[in-house]
């Protein structure tokens, strides 16, 4: 019995020793944790403060961006810029502003943005090279919509093509020809080419040329031209109707006539007066020369 008690006492002593050792190890680990926390806790506190400052910057920046967009929208509305360009510019300003805001927040938190900017620059450069043609058309579309060398409904001539502008997109401009064909022109080409806007103004001058023989009365012929033009209801009477001798050709005297009309009446007046004057000249005995070939039969 005594031996068993000693064995039990020894086992209890060993267990107590193990418990003491475990407790000492736990205390040692806790002390090491406390020592390490002395350096770690300030970092956590600093990061938390920076994060709060970054969130505050985001809230203030978001408010400032809204104010900036409102100011820009009012300015664009006053300039009466095309709605397509206005929306694009506002979206571009918003995107740039938010990118700057995010970069400022990252710097505040302590994240370096140098590598990020380098990657963004490289990606932008590669994308620009890949989309060079499309970007050229896009830039051309922006210039056309801002500078407005023509608008929808104008009749333009450029690069051998001509027609009425039916649509101006950011990348392409669509023309409809007089014979109802559809021409789609890249804006990059159109913005760098010379073009004529035929209907840029409300009025246009119509020029005519008529040939009469050298035996005809020039003064009478000029008077006929002026009377025919004056009688047409689409010719503007408040502007000068001018008839003149424009050229002395080999087989005819060329008379010129200039009248002013509304741009929308150009072709109607052009066709009407050409026919009317030809008929009137013949009726008044003014000879209109034309080339003739006389064939003589050879004697056998």
C-alpha atoms as a PDB file:
ATOM      1  CA  UNK A   1       0.000   0.000   0.000  1.00  0.00           C
ATOM      2  CA  UNK A   2       2.791   2.365   0.876  1.00  0.00           C
ATOM      3  CA  UNK A   3       4.620   1.611  -2.388  1.00  0.00           C
ATOM      4  CA  UNK A   4       1.483   2.324  -4.413  1.00  0.00           C
ATOM      5  CA  UNK A   5       1.064   5.655  -2.634  1.00  0.00           C
ATOM      6  CA  UNK A   6       4.663   6.534  -3.462  1.00  0.00           C
ATOM      7  CA  UNK A   7       4.106   5.638  -7.125  1.00  0.00           C
ATOM      8  CA  UNK A   8       0.977   7.751  -7.251  1.00  0.00           C
ATOM      9  CA  UNK A   9       2.745  10.653  -5.611  1.00  0.00           C
ATOM     10  CA  UNK A  10       5.599  10.401  -8.122  1.00  0.00           C
ATOM     11  CA  UNK A  11       3.182  10.388 -11.043  1.00  0.00           C
ATOM     12  CA  UNK A  12       1.372  13.407  -9.621  1.00  0.00           C
ATOM     13  CA  UNK A  13       4.689  15.199  -9.221  1.00  0.00           C
ATOM     14  CA  UNK A  14       5.588  14.450 -12.856  1.00  0.00           C
ATOM     15  CA  UNK A  15       2.211  15.736 -14.071  1.00  0.00           C
ATOM     16  CA  UNK A  16       2.633  18.874 -11.977  1.00  0.00           C
ATOM     17  CA  UNK A  17       6.106  19.347 -13.454  1.00  0.00           C
ATOM     18  CA  UNK A  18       4.692  19.000 -16.996  1.00  0.00           C
ATOM     19  CA  UNK A  19       1.941  21.491 -16.196  1.00  0.00           C
ATOM     20  CA  UNK A  20       4.488  23.928 -14.820  1.00  0.00           C
ATOM     21  CA  UNK A  21       6.650  23.489 -17.920  1.00  0.00           C
ATOM     22  CA  UNK A  22       3.609  24.050 -20.231  1.00  0.00           C
ATOM     23  CA  UNK A  23       2.621  27.103 -18.251  1.00  0.00           C
ATOM     24  CA  UNK A  24       6.148  28.497 -18.463  1.00  0.00           C
ATOM     25  CA  UNK A  25       6.236  27.875 -22.235  1.00  0.00           C
ATOM     26  CA  UNK A  26       2.864  29.632 -22.578  1.00  0.00           C
ATOM     27  CA  UNK A  27       4.108  32.565 -20.550  1.00  0.00           C
ATOM     28  CA  UNK A  28       7.268  32.689 -22.638  1.00  0.00           C
ATOM     29  CA  UNK A  29       5.272  32.674 -25.883  1.00  0.00           C
ATOM     30  CA  UNK A  30       2.974  35.376 -24.546  1.00  0.00           C
ATOM     31  CA  UNK A  31       5.946  37.484 -23.553  1.00  0.00           C
ATOM     32  CA  UNK A  32       7.482  37.059 -27.012  1.00  0.00           C
ATOM     33  CA  UNK A  33       4.129  37.998 -28.599  1.00  0.00           C
ATOM     34  CA  UNK A  34       3.928  41.104 -26.421  1.00  0.00           C
ATOM     35  CA  UNK A  35       7.478  42.048 -27.380  1.00  0.00           C
ATOM     36  CA  UNK A  36       6.732  41.560 -31.087  1.00  0.00           C
ATOM     37  CA  UNK A  37       3.471  43.455 -30.751  1.00  0.00           C
ATOM     38  CA  UNK A  38       5.356  46.501 -29.578  1.00  0.00           C
ATOM     39  CA  UNK A  39       6.607  46.936 -33.174  1.00  0.00           C
ATOM     40  CA  UNK A  40       3.512  45.478 -34.937  1.00  0.00           C
ATOM     41  CA  UNK A  41       0.747  47.435 -33.220  1.00  0.00           C
ATOM     42  CA  UNK A  42       2.031  50.881 -34.310  1.00  0.00           C
ATOM     43  CA  UNK A  43       2.147  49.616 -37.888  1.00  0.00           C
ATOM     44  CA  UNK A  44      -1.464  48.446 -37.662  1.00  0.00           C
ATOM     45  CA  UNK A  45      -2.514  51.750 -36.138  1.00  0.00           C
ATOM     46  CA  UNK A  46      -0.612  53.693 -38.821  1.00  0.00           C
ATOM     47  CA  UNK A  47      -2.165  51.608 -41.610  1.00  0.00           C
ATOM     48  CA  UNK A  48      -5.624  52.065 -40.130  1.00  0.00           C
ATOM     49  CA  UNK A  49      -5.165  55.833 -39.931  1.00  0.00           C
ATOM     50  CA  UNK A  50      -3.882  55.960 -43.515  1.00  0.00           C
ATOM     51  CA  UNK A  51      -6.851  53.859 -44.620  1.00  0.00           C
ATOM     52  CA  UNK A  52      -9.251  56.257 -42.907  1.00  0.00           C
ATOM     53  CA  UNK A  53      -7.492  59.212 -44.554  1.00  0.00           C
ATOM     54  CA  UNK A  54      -7.714  57.437 -47.946  1.00  0.00           C
ATOM     55  CA  UNK A  55     -11.465  56.878 -47.478  1.00  0.00           C
ATOM     56  CA  UNK A  56     -11.845  60.535 -46.521  1.00  0.00           C
ATOM     57  CA  UNK A  57      -9.894  61.543 -49.648  1.00  0.00           C
ATOM     58  CA  UNK A  58     -12.169  59.307 -51.749  1.00  0.00           C
ATOM     59  CA  UNK A  59     -15.323  60.927 -50.375  1.00  0.00           C
ATOM     60  CA  UNK A  60     -13.993  64.453 -50.870  1.00  0.00           C
ATOM     61  CA  UNK A  61     -12.569  63.573 -54.294  1.00  0.00           C
ATOM     62  CA  UNK A  62     -15.863  62.047 -55.419  1.00  0.00           C
ATOM     63  CA  UNK A  63     -17.652  65.255 -54.453  1.00  0.00           C
ATOM     64  CA  UNK A  64     -15.091  67.388 -56.271  1.00  0.00           C
ATOM     65  CA  UNK A  65     -15.400  65.210 -59.387  1.00  0.00           C
ATOM     66  CA  UNK A  66     -19.159  65.726 -59.419  1.00  0.00           C
ATOM     67  CA  UNK A  67     -18.669  69.489 -59.157  1.00  0.00           C
ATOM     68  CA  UNK A  68     -16.048  69.390 -61.931  1.00  0.00           C
ATOM     69  CA  UNK A  69     -18.360  67.426 -64.233  1.00  0.00           C
ATOM     70  CA  UNK A  70     -21.227  69.865 -63.629  1.00  0.00           C
ATOM     71  CA  UNK A  71     -18.972  72.816 -64.477  1.00  0.00           C
ATOM     72  CA  UNK A  72     -17.685  71.085 -67.603  1.00  0.00           C
ATOM     73  CA  UNK A  73     -21.216  70.173 -68.698  1.00  0.00           C
ATOM     74  CA  UNK A  74     -22.387  73.779 -68.345  1.00  0.00           C
ATOM     75  CA  UNK A  75     -19.385  74.967 -70.341  1.00  0.00           C
ATOM     76  CA  UNK A  76     -19.993  72.415 -73.122  1.00  0.00           C
ATOM     77  CA  UNK A  77     -23.681  73.313 -73.237  1.00  0.00           C
ATOM     78  CA  UNK A  78     -22.809  76.987 -73.674  1.00  0.00           C
ATOM     79  CA  UNK A  79     -20.463  76.184 -76.560  1.00  0.00           C
ATOM     80  CA  UNK A  80     -23.327  74.275 -78.253  1.00  0.00           C
ATOM     81  CA  UNK A  81     -21.002  71.396 -79.023  1.00  0.00           C
ATOM     82  CA  UNK A  82     -22.369  68.200 -80.551  1.00  0.00           C
ATOM     83  CA  UNK A  83     -24.065  65.979 -77.947  1.00  0.00           C
ATOM     84  CA  UNK A  84     -21.913  62.995 -79.014  1.00  0.00           C
ATOM     85  CA  UNK A  85     -18.687  64.881 -78.357  1.00  0.00           C
ATOM     86  CA  UNK A  86     -20.082  66.355 -75.137  1.00  0.00           C
ATOM     87  CA  UNK A  87     -20.884  62.919 -73.710  1.00  0.00           C
ATOM     88  CA  UNK A  88     -17.503  61.539 -74.763  1.00  0.00           C
ATOM     89  CA  UNK A  89     -15.554  64.428 -73.234  1.00  0.00           C
ATOM     90  CA  UNK A  90     -17.493  64.177 -69.963  1.00  0.00           C
ATOM     91  CA  UNK A  91     -16.835  60.420 -69.810  1.00  0.00           C
ATOM     92  CA  UNK A  92     -13.149  60.978 -70.544  1.00  0.00           C
ATOM     93  CA  UNK A  93     -12.850  63.658 -67.831  1.00  0.00           C
ATOM     94  CA  UNK A  94     -14.647  61.389 -65.339  1.00  0.00           C
ATOM     95  CA  UNK A  95     -12.337  58.445 -66.106  1.00  0.00           C
ATOM     96  CA  UNK A  96      -9.156  60.525 -65.809  1.00  0.00           C
ATOM     97  CA  UNK A  97     -10.344  62.130 -62.567  1.00  0.00           C
ATOM     98  CA  UNK A  98     -11.128  58.768 -60.954  1.00  0.00           C
ATOM     99  CA  UNK A  99      -7.777  57.303 -62.045  1.00  0.00           C
ATOM    100  CA  UNK A 100      -5.988  60.241 -60.398  1.00  0.00           C
ATOM    101  CA  UNK A 101      -8.137  59.832 -57.275  1.00  0.00           C
ATOM    102  CA  UNK A 102      -7.319  56.123 -56.991  1.00  0.00           C
ATOM    103  CA  UNK A 103      -3.595  56.803 -57.416  1.00  0.00           C
ATOM    104  CA  UNK A 104      -3.705  59.405 -54.636  1.00  0.00           C
ATOM    105  CA  UNK A 105      -5.515  56.922 -52.355  1.00  0.00           C
ATOM    106  CA  UNK A 106      -2.942  54.200 -53.030  1.00  0.00           C
ATOM    107  CA  UNK A 107      -0.081  56.589 -52.253  1.00  0.00           C
ATOM    108  CA  UNK A 108      -1.843  57.600 -49.024  1.00  0.00           C
ATOM    109  CA  UNK A 109      -2.191  53.989 -47.899  1.00  0.00           C
ATOM    110  CA  UNK A 110       1.478  53.414 -48.651  1.00  0.00           C
ATOM    111  CA  UNK A 111       1.274  51.460 -51.896  1.00  0.00           C
ATOM    112  CA  UNK A 112       3.815  52.681 -54.458  1.00  0.00           C
ATOM    113  CA  UNK A 113       2.215  53.501 -57.808  1.00  0.00           C
ATOM    114  CA  UNK A 114       5.394  53.876 -59.877  1.00  0.00           C
ATOM    115  CA  UNK A 115       5.281  50.338 -61.262  1.00  0.00           C
ATOM    116  CA  UNK A 116       1.548  50.625 -61.831  1.00  0.00           C
ATOM    117  CA  UNK A 117       2.025  53.788 -63.881  1.00  0.00           C
ATOM    118  CA  UNK A 118       4.802  52.137 -65.885  1.00  0.00           C
ATOM    119  CA  UNK A 119       2.581  49.167 -66.737  1.00  0.00           C
ATOM    120  CA  UNK A 120      -0.327  51.487 -67.614  1.00  0.00           C
ATOM    121  CA  UNK A 121       1.901  53.591 -69.890  1.00  0.00           C
ATOM    122  CA  UNK A 122       3.266  50.529 -71.668  1.00  0.00           C
ATOM    123  CA  UNK A 123      -0.197  49.062 -72.154  1.00  0.00           C
ATOM    124  CA  UNK A 124      -1.516  52.370 -73.486  1.00  0.00           C
ATOM    125  CA  UNK A 125       1.371  52.628 -75.949  1.00  0.00           C
ATOM    126  CA  UNK A 126       0.842  49.065 -77.199  1.00  0.00           C
ATOM    127  CA  UNK A 127      -2.890  49.619 -77.535  1.00  0.00           C
ATOM    128  CA  UNK A 128      -2.289  52.853 -79.429  1.00  0.00           C
ATOM    129  CA  UNK A 129      -0.051  51.094 -81.943  1.00  0.00           C
ATOM    130  CA  UNK A 130      -2.570  48.280 -82.410  1.00  0.00           C
ATOM    131  CA  UNK A 131      -5.461  50.697 -82.957  1.00  0.00           C
ATOM    132  CA  UNK A 132      -3.581  53.391 -84.845  1.00  0.00           C
ATOM    133  CA  UNK A 133      -6.046  53.587 -87.754  1.00  0.00           C
ATOM    134  CA  UNK A 134      -9.114  53.523 -85.532  1.00  0.00           C
ATOM    135  CA  UNK A 135      -7.653  56.162 -83.219  1.00  0.00           C
ATOM    136  CA  UNK A 136      -6.922  58.361 -86.242  1.00  0.00           C
ATOM    137  CA  UNK A 137     -10.544  58.062 -87.352  1.00  0.00           C
ATOM    138  CA  UNK A 138     -11.705  58.704 -83.798  1.00  0.00           C
ATOM    139  CA  UNK A 139      -9.563  61.840 -83.462  1.00  0.00           C
ATOM    140  CA  UNK A 140     -10.800  62.995 -86.866  1.00  0.00           C
ATOM    141  CA  UNK A 141     -14.395  62.515 -85.768  1.00  0.00           C
ATOM    142  CA  UNK A 142     -13.798  64.582 -82.627  1.00  0.00           C
ATOM    143  CA  UNK A 143     -12.245  67.391 -84.700  1.00  0.00           C
ATOM    144  CA  UNK A 144     -15.116  67.364 -87.192  1.00  0.00           C
ATOM    145  CA  UNK A 145     -17.743  67.469 -84.466  1.00  0.00           C
ATOM    146  CA  UNK A 146     -15.945  70.258 -82.589  1.00  0.00           C
ATOM    147  CA  UNK A 147     -14.799  72.462 -85.509  1.00  0.00           C
ATOM    148  CA  UNK A 148     -17.936  71.757 -87.594  1.00  0.00           C
ATOM    149  CA  UNK A 149     -16.581  72.239 -91.143  1.00  0.00           C
ATOM    150  CA  UNK A 150     -19.906  70.705 -92.158  1.00  0.00           C
ATOM    151  CA  UNK A 151     -23.039  69.374 -90.508  1.00  0.00           C
ATOM    152  CA  UNK A 152     -25.757  66.845 -91.258  1.00  0.00           C
ATOM    153  CA  UNK A 153     -27.695  68.005 -94.314  1.00  0.00           C
ATOM    154  CA  UNK A 154     -24.784  69.859 -95.968  1.00  0.00           C
ATOM    155  CA  UNK A 155     -23.666  68.986 -99.489  1.00  0.00           C
ATOM    156  CA  UNK A 156     -19.890  68.471 -99.587  1.00  0.00           C
ATOM    157  CA  UNK A 157     -17.270  67.494-102.178  1.00  0.00           C
ATOM    158  CA  UNK A 158     -14.041  65.768-101.151  1.00  0.00           C
ATOM    159  CA  UNK A 159     -11.553  63.400-102.748  1.00  0.00           C
ATOM    160  CA  UNK A 160     -13.643  62.788-105.854  1.00  0.00           C
ATOM    161  CA  UNK A 161     -16.746  62.052-103.793  1.00  0.00           C
ATOM    162  CA  UNK A 162     -19.700  64.337-103.246  1.00  0.00           C
ATOM    163  CA  UNK A 163     -23.092  64.088-101.642  1.00  0.00           C
ATOM    164  CA  UNK A 164     -25.338  65.133 -98.786  1.00  0.00           C
ATOM    165  CA  UNK A 165     -24.080  64.391 -95.272  1.00  0.00           C
ATOM    166  CA  UNK A 166     -26.582  62.037 -93.666  1.00  0.00           C
ATOM    167  CA  UNK A 167     -24.672  61.012 -90.536  1.00  0.00           C
ATOM    168  CA  UNK A 168     -21.530  61.980 -88.607  1.00  0.00           C
ATOM    169  CA  UNK A 169     -20.232  59.313 -86.222  1.00  0.00           C
ATOM    170  CA  UNK A 170     -17.062  59.323 -84.146  1.00  0.00           C
ATOM    171  CA  UNK A 171     -15.311  57.059 -86.680  1.00  0.00           C
ATOM    172  CA  UNK A 172     -17.099  57.509 -90.030  1.00  0.00           C
ATOM    173  CA  UNK A 173     -19.118  60.090 -91.993  1.00  0.00           C
ATOM    174  CA  UNK A 174     -21.889  58.948 -94.326  1.00  0.00           C
ATOM    175  CA  UNK A 175     -22.708  60.681 -97.617  1.00  0.00           C
ATOM    176  CA  UNK A 176     -25.700  60.105 -99.904  1.00  0.00           C
ATOM    177  CA  UNK A 177     -24.998  60.952-103.555  1.00  0.00           C
ATOM    178  CA  UNK A 178     -27.453  62.543-105.976  1.00  0.00           C
ATOM    179  CA  UNK A 179     -28.128  59.128-107.530  1.00  0.00           C
ATOM    180  CA  UNK A 180     -28.866  57.703-104.054  1.00  0.00           C
ATOM    181  CA  UNK A 181     -25.618  55.869-103.399  1.00  0.00           C
ATOM    182  CA  UNK A 182     -24.217  55.525 -99.894  1.00  0.00           C
ATOM    183  CA  UNK A 183     -20.588  56.562 -99.347  1.00  0.00           C
ATOM    184  CA  UNK A 184     -18.919  55.892 -95.976  1.00  0.00           C
ATOM    185  CA  UNK A 185     -15.742  57.936 -95.445  1.00  0.00           C
ATOM    186  CA  UNK A 186     -13.285  57.424 -92.532  1.00  0.00           C
ATOM    187  CA  UNK A 187     -13.083  60.559 -90.428  1.00  0.00           C
ATOM    188  CA  UNK A 188      -9.294  60.359 -90.293  1.00  0.00           C
ATOM    189  CA  UNK A 189      -9.151  60.739 -94.077  1.00  0.00           C
ATOM    190  CA  UNK A 190     -11.892  63.360 -94.137  1.00  0.00           C
ATOM    191  CA  UNK A 191     -10.335  65.564 -91.445  1.00  0.00           C
ATOM    192  CA  UNK A 192      -6.987  65.658 -93.311  1.00  0.00           C
ATOM    193  CA  UNK A 193      -8.390  66.229 -96.797  1.00  0.00           C
ATOM    194  CA  UNK A 194      -9.498  69.366 -98.612  1.00  0.00           C
ATOM    195  CA  UNK A 195     -13.258  69.588 -98.958  1.00  0.00           C
ATOM    196  CA  UNK A 196     -15.837  71.999-100.329  1.00  0.00           C
ATOM    197  CA  UNK A 197     -19.004  72.658 -98.369  1.00  0.00           C
ATOM    198  CA  UNK A 198     -21.373  73.618-101.162  1.00  0.00           C
ATOM    199  CA  UNK A 199     -24.277  74.509 -98.865  1.00  0.00           C
ATOM    200  CA  UNK A 200     -22.313  76.298 -96.145  1.00  0.00           C
ATOM    201  CA  UNK A 201     -24.201  79.528 -96.910  1.00  0.00           C
ATOM    202  CA  UNK A 202     -27.854  80.252 -97.553  1.00  0.00           C
ATOM    203  CA  UNK A 203     -27.265  81.694-101.037  1.00  0.00           C
ATOM    204  CA  UNK A 204     -25.243  80.590-104.067  1.00  0.00           C
ATOM    205  CA  UNK A 205     -24.277  82.072-107.395  1.00  0.00           C
ATOM    206  CA  UNK A 206     -25.284  80.207-110.540  1.00  0.00           C
ATOM    207  CA  UNK A 207     -22.953  80.653-113.520  1.00  0.00           C
ATOM    208  CA  UNK A 208     -24.033  80.037-117.123  1.00  0.00           C
ATOM    209  CA  UNK A 209     -22.222  80.119-120.462  1.00  0.00           C
ATOM    210  CA  UNK A 210     -23.911  80.340-123.874  1.00  0.00           C
ATOM    211  CA  UNK A 211     -22.291  80.460-127.285  1.00  0.00           C
ATOM    212  CA  UNK A 212     -23.601  82.693-130.094  1.00  0.00           C
ATOM    213  CA  UNK A 213     -22.287  83.234-133.603  1.00  0.00           C
ATOM    214  CA  UNK A 214     -20.072  86.170-134.523  1.00  0.00           C
ATOM    215  CA  UNK A 215     -22.871  87.491-136.767  1.00  0.00           C
ATOM    216  CA  UNK A 216     -25.356  87.765-133.868  1.00  0.00           C
ATOM    217  CA  UNK A 217     -26.164  90.981-132.002  1.00  0.00           C
ATOM    218  CA  UNK A 218     -24.239  90.742-128.714  1.00  0.00           C
ATOM    219  CA  UNK A 219     -26.225  93.490-126.964  1.00  0.00           C
ATOM    220  CA  UNK A 220     -29.526  91.877-127.907  1.00  0.00           C
ATOM    221  CA  UNK A 221     -28.312  88.462-126.724  1.00  0.00           C
ATOM    222  CA  UNK A 222     -27.170  89.903-123.369  1.00  0.00           C
ATOM    223  CA  UNK A 223     -30.527  91.625-122.953  1.00  0.00           C
ATOM    224  CA  UNK A 224     -32.289  88.290-123.563  1.00  0.00           C
ATOM    225  CA  UNK A 225     -30.173  86.615-120.885  1.00  0.00           C
ATOM    226  CA  UNK A 226     -30.976  89.326-118.333  1.00  0.00           C
ATOM    227  CA  UNK A 227     -34.710  89.308-119.114  1.00  0.00           C
ATOM    228  CA  UNK A 228     -34.943  85.505-118.820  1.00  0.00           C
ATOM    229  CA  UNK A 229     -33.151  85.581-115.475  1.00  0.00           C
ATOM    230  CA  UNK A 230     -35.306  88.462-114.176  1.00  0.00           C
ATOM    231  CA  UNK A 231     -38.500  86.622-115.058  1.00  0.00           C
ATOM    232  CA  UNK A 232     -37.577  83.505-113.068  1.00  0.00           C
ATOM    233  CA  UNK A 233     -39.263  83.547-109.661  1.00  0.00           C
ATOM    234  CA  UNK A 234     -36.377  81.785-107.868  1.00  0.00           C
ATOM    235  CA  UNK A 235     -33.687  84.258-108.957  1.00  0.00           C
ATOM    236  CA  UNK A 236     -32.872  86.851-106.275  1.00  0.00           C
ATOM    237  CA  UNK A 237     -33.791  90.267-107.712  1.00  0.00           C
ATOM    238  CA  UNK A 238     -32.076  92.239-104.934  1.00  0.00           C
ATOM    239  CA  UNK A 239     -28.674  91.019-106.156  1.00  0.00           C
ATOM    240  CA  UNK A 240     -27.095  91.888-109.486  1.00  0.00           C
ATOM    241  CA  UNK A 241     -28.009  89.860-112.560  1.00  0.00           C
ATOM    242  CA  UNK A 242     -24.884  90.167-114.674  1.00  0.00           C
ATOM    243  CA  UNK A 243     -24.470  89.234-118.358  1.00  0.00           C
ATOM    244  CA  UNK A 244     -21.104  89.616-120.093  1.00  0.00           C
ATOM    245  CA  UNK A 245     -18.829  88.391-122.881  1.00  0.00           C
ATOM    246  CA  UNK A 246     -16.576  85.789-121.308  1.00  0.00           C
ATOM    247  CA  UNK A 247     -14.613  84.496-124.276  1.00  0.00           C
ATOM    248  CA  UNK A 248     -14.021  84.918-127.991  1.00  0.00           C
ATOM    249  CA  UNK A 249     -13.637  81.350-129.177  1.00  0.00           C
ATOM    250  CA  UNK A 250     -12.706  80.099-132.633  1.00  0.00           C
ATOM    251  CA  UNK A 251     -16.279  79.533-133.757  1.00  0.00           C
ATOM    252  CA  UNK A 252     -18.424  81.451-131.270  1.00  0.00           C
ATOM    253  CA  UNK A 253     -18.726  84.365-128.896  1.00  0.00           C
ATOM    254  CA  UNK A 254     -19.203  82.966-125.379  1.00  0.00           C
ATOM    255  CA  UNK A 255     -21.623  84.915-123.183  1.00  0.00           C
ATOM    256  CA  UNK A 256     -21.698  84.502-119.426  1.00  0.00           C
ATOM    257  CA  UNK A 257     -24.576  85.000-117.009  1.00  0.00           C
ATOM    258  CA  UNK A 258     -24.406  85.192-113.227  1.00  0.00           C
ATOM    259  CA  UNK A 259     -27.420  85.133-110.925  1.00  0.00           C
ATOM    260  CA  UNK A 260     -27.924  84.549-107.186  1.00  0.00           C
ATOM    261  CA  UNK A 261     -30.367  82.046-105.705  1.00  0.00           C
ATOM    262  CA  UNK A 262     -31.114  80.279-102.440  1.00  0.00           C
ATOM    263  CA  UNK A 263     -28.814  77.283-102.059  1.00  0.00           C
ATOM    264  CA  UNK A 264     -31.753  74.879-102.108  1.00  0.00           C
ATOM    265  CA  UNK A 265     -32.889  76.281-105.513  1.00  0.00           C
ATOM    266  CA  UNK A 266     -29.503  75.975-107.243  1.00  0.00           C
ATOM    267  CA  UNK A 267     -30.159  73.016-109.529  1.00  0.00           C
ATOM    268  CA  UNK A 268     -33.741  74.017-110.317  1.00  0.00           C
ATOM    269  CA  UNK A 269     -32.614  77.445-111.547  1.00  0.00           C
ATOM    270  CA  UNK A 270     -29.638  75.944-113.354  1.00  0.00           C
ATOM    271  CA  UNK A 271     -31.778  73.555-115.377  1.00  0.00           C
ATOM    272  CA  UNK A 272     -34.720  75.932-115.910  1.00  0.00           C
ATOM    273  CA  UNK A 273     -32.703  78.878-117.203  1.00  0.00           C
ATOM    274  CA  UNK A 274     -30.495  76.735-119.421  1.00  0.00           C
ATOM    275  CA  UNK A 275     -33.568  75.463-121.274  1.00  0.00           C
ATOM    276  CA  UNK A 276     -35.467  78.777-121.223  1.00  0.00           C
ATOM    277  CA  UNK A 277     -32.549  80.851-122.563  1.00  0.00           C
ATOM    278  CA  UNK A 278     -31.810  78.379-125.348  1.00  0.00           C
ATOM    279  CA  UNK A 279     -35.415  78.522-126.534  1.00  0.00           C
ATOM    280  CA  UNK A 280     -35.574  82.343-126.215  1.00  0.00           C
ATOM    281  CA  UNK A 281     -32.318  82.888-128.150  1.00  0.00           C
ATOM    282  CA  UNK A 282     -33.576  80.800-131.053  1.00  0.00           C
ATOM    283  CA  UNK A 283     -36.953  82.536-130.973  1.00  0.00           C
ATOM    284  CA  UNK A 284     -35.288  85.983-131.093  1.00  0.00           C
ATOM    285  CA  UNK A 285     -33.134  84.978-134.065  1.00  0.00           C
ATOM    286  CA  UNK A 286     -29.857  84.630-132.172  1.00  0.00           C
ATOM    287  CA  UNK A 287     -27.842  81.882-133.825  1.00  0.00           C
ATOM    288  CA  UNK A 288     -26.321  79.259-131.554  1.00  0.00           C
ATOM    289  CA  UNK A 289     -23.359  77.765-133.457  1.00  0.00           C
ATOM    290  CA  UNK A 290     -22.432  74.111-133.364  1.00  0.00           C
ATOM    291  CA  UNK A 291     -19.719  72.086-135.007  1.00  0.00           C
ATOM    292  CA  UNK A 292     -20.605  70.750-138.422  1.00  0.00           C
ATOM    293  CA  UNK A 293     -18.855  68.358-140.740  1.00  0.00           C
ATOM    294  CA  UNK A 294     -19.359  68.953-144.473  1.00  0.00           C
ATOM    295  CA  UNK A 295     -18.721  65.897-146.642  1.00  0.00           C
ATOM    296  CA  UNK A 296     -18.034  66.487-150.349  1.00  0.00           C
ATOM    297  CA  UNK A 297     -18.517  63.656-152.801  1.00  0.00           C
ATOM    298  CA  UNK A 298     -15.426  63.192-154.933  1.00  0.00           C
ATOM    299  CA  UNK A 299     -15.820  63.435-158.743  1.00  0.00           C
ATOM    300  CA  UNK A 300     -15.066  60.235-160.626  1.00  0.00           C
END
